[in-house]
Protein backbone atom coordinates (compact mmCIF):
# COMPACT_ATOMS: atom_id res chain seq x y z
CA MET A 1 75.41 85.66 149.56
CA ARG A 2 78.85 84.75 150.81
CA LEU A 3 80.05 84.01 147.27
CA VAL A 4 78.85 87.44 146.13
CA ALA A 5 80.81 89.10 148.94
CA ILE A 6 83.96 87.16 148.01
CA LEU A 7 83.59 88.06 144.33
CA MET A 8 83.06 91.74 145.17
CA ALA A 9 86.16 91.73 147.39
CA LEU A 10 88.21 90.16 144.58
CA TRP A 11 86.90 92.76 142.12
CA VAL A 12 87.91 95.62 144.44
CA VAL A 13 91.43 94.18 144.66
CA LEU A 14 91.88 93.11 141.02
CA ALA A 15 90.05 95.85 139.07
CA PRO A 16 92.75 98.52 139.48
CA ALA A 17 95.43 96.07 138.34
CA LEU A 18 93.39 95.04 135.32
CA ALA A 19 92.93 98.70 134.30
CA GLN A 20 96.67 99.44 134.36
CA PRO A 21 98.59 99.31 131.10
CA SER A 22 100.92 96.35 131.44
CA SER A 23 103.47 97.04 128.74
CA GLY A 24 105.83 99.22 130.79
CA ILE A 25 105.27 102.40 128.75
CA ALA A 26 105.69 105.73 130.55
CA LEU A 27 105.12 109.25 129.26
CA SER A 28 107.12 112.30 130.37
CA ASP A 29 108.20 115.80 129.37
CA ALA A 30 104.91 116.64 127.61
CA TRP A 31 104.76 120.16 126.15
CA ALA A 32 103.31 122.20 123.30
CA ARG A 33 103.85 125.65 121.87
CA ALA A 34 101.29 128.40 122.28
CA THR A 35 99.43 129.07 119.04
CA PRO A 36 99.27 132.57 117.56
CA GLY A 37 95.95 134.40 117.27
CA ALA A 38 93.13 132.22 116.08
CA GLY A 39 95.42 129.37 114.97
CA THR A 40 93.62 126.04 114.65
CA THR A 41 96.67 123.78 114.33
CA GLY A 42 99.20 122.94 117.02
CA ALA A 43 101.74 120.28 117.93
CA ALA A 44 102.59 118.38 121.08
CA TYR A 45 105.86 116.76 122.08
CA LEU A 46 106.83 114.26 124.77
CA THR A 47 109.07 111.32 125.58
CA LEU A 48 107.88 107.71 125.47
CA ALA A 49 109.92 105.17 127.46
CA ASN A 50 109.44 101.40 127.44
CA ALA A 51 110.61 99.60 130.59
CA GLY A 52 108.73 96.45 129.53
CA ALA A 53 110.05 93.26 128.03
CA ALA A 54 108.40 93.64 124.60
CA THR A 55 107.94 96.29 121.93
CA ASP A 56 104.67 98.19 122.19
CA ARG A 57 103.12 100.41 119.53
CA LEU A 58 101.45 103.79 119.83
CA ILE A 59 98.30 103.31 117.75
CA ALA A 60 96.14 106.38 118.53
CA VAL A 61 96.23 109.79 120.21
CA SER A 62 93.29 111.94 121.31
CA THR A 63 92.48 115.13 123.18
CA PRO A 64 89.23 116.97 123.85
CA ILE A 65 90.77 120.28 122.70
CA ALA A 66 91.10 119.32 119.00
CA ARG A 67 88.83 117.93 116.30
CA SER A 68 91.45 115.32 115.38
CA VAL A 69 94.97 114.26 116.31
CA GLU A 70 97.61 112.70 114.06
CA LEU A 71 101.08 111.29 114.61
CA HIS A 72 103.58 112.81 112.14
CA THR A 73 107.25 112.66 111.30
CA THR A 74 109.32 115.20 109.39
CA VAL A 75 111.04 113.95 106.22
CA ARG A 76 113.44 115.71 103.88
CA ASP A 77 112.34 115.92 100.24
CA GLY A 78 115.32 117.51 98.50
CA ASP A 79 115.70 120.92 100.14
CA ILE A 80 112.20 120.87 101.60
CA LEU A 81 111.07 119.41 104.93
CA ARG A 82 107.62 117.83 104.80
CA MET A 83 105.38 116.24 107.37
CA GLN A 84 104.32 112.67 106.80
CA ALA A 85 101.58 110.91 108.78
CA LEU A 86 102.51 107.77 110.75
CA ASP A 87 99.98 105.01 111.40
CA THR A 88 101.84 103.66 114.44
CA LEU A 89 105.05 104.19 116.37
CA GLY A 90 106.97 101.26 117.87
CA ILE A 91 108.84 101.65 121.16
CA ALA A 92 111.37 98.87 121.71
CA PRO A 93 111.98 97.44 125.19
CA GLY A 94 114.53 99.40 127.20
CA SER A 95 114.37 102.38 124.86
CA ALA A 96 112.94 105.88 124.79
CA VAL A 97 111.58 107.88 121.85
CA GLU A 98 111.53 111.67 122.06
CA LEU A 99 108.83 113.42 120.06
CA LYS A 100 110.27 116.85 119.24
CA PRO A 101 110.16 119.73 116.77
CA GLY A 102 111.65 118.74 113.42
CA GLY A 103 111.12 115.04 114.13
CA ILE A 104 108.26 112.82 115.22
CA HIS A 105 105.45 114.89 116.76
CA ILE A 106 101.73 114.92 117.51
CA MET A 107 99.62 117.24 115.33
CA LEU A 108 96.54 118.82 116.89
CA LEU A 109 94.10 119.64 114.09
CA GLY A 110 91.00 121.78 114.40
CA LEU A 111 91.83 123.28 117.79
CA LYS A 112 88.66 124.38 119.56
CA ALA A 113 90.56 127.36 121.04
CA PRO A 114 94.13 128.65 120.70
CA LEU A 115 96.76 127.08 122.96
CA LYS A 116 97.64 129.70 125.58
CA GLU A 117 100.99 129.85 127.36
CA GLU A 118 101.03 128.60 130.97
CA THR A 119 97.95 126.40 130.54
CA THR A 120 97.69 122.62 130.26
CA PHE A 121 95.51 120.16 128.38
CA PRO A 122 95.06 116.37 128.56
CA LEU A 123 96.43 114.10 125.85
CA THR A 124 95.56 110.39 125.77
CA LEU A 125 97.86 107.95 123.98
CA THR A 126 96.63 104.46 123.15
CA PHE A 127 99.11 101.59 122.93
CA ALA A 128 98.51 98.21 121.28
CA ALA A 129 99.50 96.21 124.37
CA GLY A 130 99.48 98.83 127.10
CA GLY A 131 96.11 100.48 126.66
CA ASP A 132 95.55 104.18 127.35
CA LEU A 133 97.88 106.59 129.13
CA THR A 134 96.93 110.22 129.75
CA VAL A 135 99.37 113.04 130.34
CA ASP A 136 98.90 116.76 131.02
CA VAL A 137 100.62 118.80 128.31
CA ALA A 138 102.13 122.11 129.45
CA VAL A 139 101.79 124.95 126.94
CA ARG A 140 104.96 127.01 126.63
CA GLY A 141 105.72 130.15 124.63
CA ALA A 142 105.17 130.26 120.87
CA GLY A 143 108.91 129.99 120.16
CA ALA A 144 109.68 127.31 122.75
CA MET A 145 112.09 124.56 121.77
CA GLY A 146 112.32 122.85 125.17
CA ARG A 147 110.07 120.77 127.31
CA THR A 148 108.71 120.58 130.84
CA SER A 149 108.37 117.46 132.97
CA GLN A 150 104.92 116.06 133.69
CA PRO A 151 104.62 112.45 134.90
CA SER A 152 102.14 110.12 133.22
CA LYS A 153 98.79 109.34 134.85
CA ARG A 154 97.24 105.92 134.66
């Protein structure tokens, strides 16, 4: 009985630490544009910073508000800009990567409802070494080019 009590006490102390992503990745400045009318596609933007000692990779993104989520970058093909899907995104130690319009961004496909200005939605990013991080994404106006600061939640 005493051993069980000791093990339970250790679990209470250690479980939160074991659930924390350990790679040093932090998410900030998460925002999206409002979608017009019955639009079913949107995009989200944010900044990823790595204060850890090793590169970590973003390997998946999800949200309950969309059927699927993809990581994209914008590439120039002659005079035309095209989106290209990315399988992963590496974040080197001591660096930050800004996902922004016209660059790397998160595509929200099959939105269950339009994104409305002045609302928020959760976005979960999965990292190879750091596990899951969830951030609240603030929806700004349809023509927004800037961001708003929202700290990451673990």
